[in-house]
């Protein structure tokens, strides 16, 4: 499990919601990069450059999903 994914799932004082905004973004980008990596490695028809073009969108979606409701 990557550090980004661990950071999302940690409870207590280091919970994602308690991180600084720039740290939350870094965690979301790290999680998105892990998803991209797994996707690229699992399929020959996926192109890394296209996935990286979507990196910001993926990170935005991860951050939105992690907002406290």
N, C-alpha and C. Protein backbone atom coordinates (compact mmCIF):
# COMPACT_ATOMS: atom_id res chain seq x y z
N UNK A 1 0.85 -1.18 0.00
CA UNK A 1 0.00 0.00 0.00
C UNK A 1 0.89 1.24 0.00
N UNK A 2 0.59 2.18 -0.85
CA UNK A 2 1.41 3.38 -0.95
C UNK A 2 1.19 4.31 0.24
N UNK A 3 2.13 5.23 0.45
CA UNK A 3 1.99 6.20 1.53
C UNK A 3 0.77 7.08 1.33
N UNK A 4 0.45 7.40 0.05
CA UNK A 4 -0.72 8.24 -0.22
C UNK A 4 -2.00 7.55 0.23
N UNK A 5 -2.12 6.27 -0.09
CA UNK A 5 -3.31 5.53 0.30
C UNK A 5 -3.35 5.37 1.82
N UNK A 6 -2.21 5.12 2.44
CA UNK A 6 -2.16 5.02 3.90
C UNK A 6 -2.59 6.33 4.55
N UNK A 7 -2.15 7.46 3.99
CA UNK A 7 -2.49 8.76 4.56
C UNK A 7 -3.99 9.02 4.52
N UNK A 8 -4.64 8.52 3.50
CA UNK A 8 -6.08 8.69 3.39
C UNK A 8 -6.81 7.89 4.45
N UNK A 9 -6.27 6.72 4.78
CA UNK A 9 -6.99 5.81 5.67
C UNK A 9 -6.60 5.91 7.14
N UNK A 10 -5.63 6.76 7.47
CA UNK A 10 -5.18 6.89 8.86
C UNK A 10 -6.26 7.57 9.70
N UNK A 11 -6.42 7.09 10.93
CA UNK A 11 -7.36 7.71 11.86
C UNK A 11 -6.60 8.50 12.91
N UNK A 12 -7.29 9.34 13.63
CA UNK A 12 -6.68 10.09 14.71
C UNK A 12 -6.15 11.44 14.26
N UNK A 13 -5.08 11.90 14.88
CA UNK A 13 -4.56 13.24 14.63
C UNK A 13 -4.05 13.43 13.21
N UNK A 14 -3.74 12.37 12.50
CA UNK A 14 -3.21 12.49 11.15
C UNK A 14 -4.27 12.22 10.09
N UNK A 15 -5.53 12.25 10.48
CA UNK A 15 -6.60 11.99 9.52
C UNK A 15 -6.53 12.98 8.37
N UNK A 16 -6.92 12.53 7.20
CA UNK A 16 -6.86 13.35 5.99
C UNK A 16 -7.52 14.71 6.19
N UNK A 17 -8.65 14.75 6.82
CA UNK A 17 -9.39 16.00 7.01
C UNK A 17 -8.63 17.01 7.86
N UNK A 18 -7.69 16.55 8.64
CA UNK A 18 -6.93 17.45 9.51
C UNK A 18 -5.62 17.92 8.89
N UNK A 19 -5.31 17.43 7.71
CA UNK A 19 -4.09 17.85 7.03
C UNK A 19 -4.25 19.24 6.44
N UNK A 20 -3.14 19.94 6.26
CA UNK A 20 -3.15 21.23 5.57
C UNK A 20 -3.63 21.02 4.14
N UNK A 21 -4.19 22.04 3.54
CA UNK A 21 -4.75 21.95 2.19
C UNK A 21 -3.71 21.46 1.18
N UNK A 22 -2.50 21.98 1.24
CA UNK A 22 -1.47 21.56 0.27
C UNK A 22 -1.06 20.11 0.50
N UNK A 23 -1.10 19.65 1.74
CA UNK A 23 -0.79 18.26 2.03
C UNK A 23 -1.92 17.35 1.57
N UNK A 24 -3.15 17.79 1.73
CA UNK A 24 -4.28 17.02 1.21
C UNK A 24 -4.14 16.85 -0.30
N UNK A 25 -3.76 17.92 -1.00
CA UNK A 25 -3.58 17.84 -2.46
C UNK A 25 -2.47 16.86 -2.80
N UNK A 26 -1.37 16.92 -2.08
CA UNK A 26 -0.26 16.00 -2.35
C UNK A 26 -0.69 14.55 -2.15
N UNK A 27 -1.48 14.30 -1.13
CA UNK A 27 -1.98 12.95 -0.88
C UNK A 27 -2.89 12.51 -2.02
N UNK A 28 -3.79 13.39 -2.46
CA UNK A 28 -4.70 13.06 -3.55
C UNK A 28 -3.94 12.81 -4.85
N UNK A 29 -2.93 13.61 -5.12
CA UNK A 29 -2.11 13.41 -6.33
C UNK A 29 -1.37 12.08 -6.23
N UNK A 30 -0.83 11.77 -5.07
CA UNK A 30 -0.14 10.49 -4.88
C UNK A 30 -1.06 9.31 -5.10
N UNK A 31 -2.28 9.42 -4.59
CA UNK A 31 -3.26 8.35 -4.79
C UNK A 31 -3.62 8.23 -6.27
N UNK A 32 -3.79 9.36 -6.94
CA UNK A 32 -4.11 9.34 -8.37
C UNK A 32 -2.96 8.73 -9.17
N UNK A 33 -1.73 9.05 -8.81
CA UNK A 33 -0.58 8.46 -9.50
C UNK A 33 -0.53 6.95 -9.31
N UNK A 34 -0.89 6.50 -8.12
CA UNK A 34 -0.91 5.05 -7.89
C UNK A 34 -1.99 4.38 -8.75
N UNK A 35 -3.14 5.01 -8.83
CA UNK A 35 -4.21 4.48 -9.69
C UNK A 35 -3.78 4.44 -11.16
N UNK A 36 -3.13 5.51 -11.61
CA UNK A 36 -2.64 5.57 -12.99
C UNK A 36 -1.61 4.47 -13.23
N UNK A 37 -0.70 4.32 -12.30
CA UNK A 37 0.34 3.29 -12.43
C UNK A 37 -0.28 1.91 -12.58
N UNK A 38 -1.22 1.61 -11.71
CA UNK A 38 -1.87 0.29 -11.76
C UNK A 38 -2.64 0.10 -13.06
N UNK A 39 -3.28 1.15 -13.51
CA UNK A 39 -4.05 1.07 -14.76
C UNK A 39 -3.12 0.84 -15.96
N UNK A 40 -2.02 1.59 -16.02
CA UNK A 40 -1.09 1.45 -17.13
C UNK A 40 -0.43 0.08 -17.14
N UNK A 41 -0.07 -0.41 -15.97
CA UNK A 41 0.58 -1.72 -15.89
C UNK A 41 -0.37 -2.87 -16.20
N UNK A 42 -1.66 -2.64 -16.05
CA UNK A 42 -2.61 -3.74 -16.23
C UNK A 42 -3.17 -3.85 -17.65
N UNK A 43 -2.88 -2.87 -18.51
CA UNK A 43 -3.47 -2.90 -19.84
C UNK A 43 -2.53 -2.28 -20.87
N UNK A 44 -2.29 -3.01 -21.94
CA UNK A 44 -1.42 -2.51 -23.01
C UNK A 44 -2.10 -1.39 -23.80
N UNK A 45 -3.42 -1.29 -23.71
CA UNK A 45 -4.13 -0.29 -24.50
C UNK A 45 -4.24 1.07 -23.80
N UNK A 46 -3.72 1.18 -22.59
CA UNK A 46 -3.75 2.44 -21.86
C UNK A 46 -2.43 3.16 -22.08
N UNK A 47 -2.51 4.45 -22.40
CA UNK A 47 -1.31 5.23 -22.68
C UNK A 47 -1.00 6.16 -21.50
N UNK A 48 0.22 6.08 -21.02
CA UNK A 48 0.64 6.85 -19.86
C UNK A 48 0.42 8.34 -20.07
N UNK A 49 0.77 8.86 -21.23
CA UNK A 49 0.63 10.31 -21.46
C UNK A 49 -0.82 10.76 -21.35
N UNK A 50 -1.73 9.95 -21.83
CA UNK A 50 -3.16 10.29 -21.72
C UNK A 50 -3.61 10.26 -20.26
N UNK A 51 -3.15 9.27 -19.53
CA UNK A 51 -3.51 9.18 -18.12
C UNK A 51 -2.93 10.35 -17.33
N UNK A 52 -1.69 10.74 -17.62
CA UNK A 52 -1.09 11.87 -16.91
C UNK A 52 -1.81 13.17 -17.24
N UNK A 53 -2.35 13.28 -18.45
CA UNK A 53 -3.15 14.46 -18.80
C UNK A 53 -4.38 14.56 -17.90
N UNK A 54 -4.84 13.45 -17.37
CA UNK A 54 -6.01 13.41 -16.50
C UNK A 54 -5.66 13.47 -15.01
N UNK A 55 -4.39 13.57 -14.69
CA UNK A 55 -3.94 13.51 -13.30
C UNK A 55 -4.66 14.54 -12.42
N UNK A 56 -4.72 15.77 -12.84
CA UNK A 56 -5.35 16.81 -12.05
C UNK A 56 -6.84 16.51 -11.83
N UNK A 57 -7.51 16.04 -12.87
CA UNK A 57 -8.93 15.69 -12.76
C UNK A 57 -9.11 14.56 -11.75
N UNK A 58 -8.27 13.53 -11.83
CA UNK A 58 -8.36 12.41 -10.89
C UNK A 58 -8.14 12.89 -9.46
N UNK A 59 -7.13 13.74 -9.27
CA UNK A 59 -6.84 14.26 -7.92
C UNK A 59 -8.02 15.09 -7.40
N UNK A 60 -8.62 15.90 -8.28
CA UNK A 60 -9.79 16.68 -7.90
C UNK A 60 -10.92 15.76 -7.43
N UNK A 61 -11.14 14.69 -8.17
CA UNK A 61 -12.21 13.75 -7.83
C UNK A 61 -11.93 13.04 -6.51
N UNK A 62 -10.68 12.70 -6.27
CA UNK A 62 -10.31 12.06 -5.00
C UNK A 62 -10.53 13.03 -3.85
N UNK A 63 -10.09 14.28 -4.01
CA UNK A 63 -10.30 15.27 -2.95
C UNK A 63 -11.78 15.49 -2.68
N UNK A 64 -12.57 15.56 -3.72
CA UNK A 64 -14.01 15.75 -3.55
C UNK A 64 -14.63 14.57 -2.80
N UNK A 65 -14.21 13.38 -3.14
CA UNK A 65 -14.75 12.18 -2.49
C UNK A 65 -14.36 12.11 -1.01
N UNK A 66 -13.25 12.73 -0.65
CA UNK A 66 -12.76 12.65 0.72
C UNK A 66 -13.28 13.79 1.61
N UNK A 67 -14.02 14.72 1.03
CA UNK A 67 -14.56 15.82 1.85
C UNK A 67 -15.54 15.26 2.87
N UNK A 68 -15.46 15.82 4.07
CA UNK A 68 -16.38 15.41 5.15
C UNK A 68 -17.80 15.80 4.76
N UNK A 69 -18.70 14.90 5.00
CA UNK A 69 -20.12 15.17 4.66
C UNK A 69 -20.92 15.35 5.91
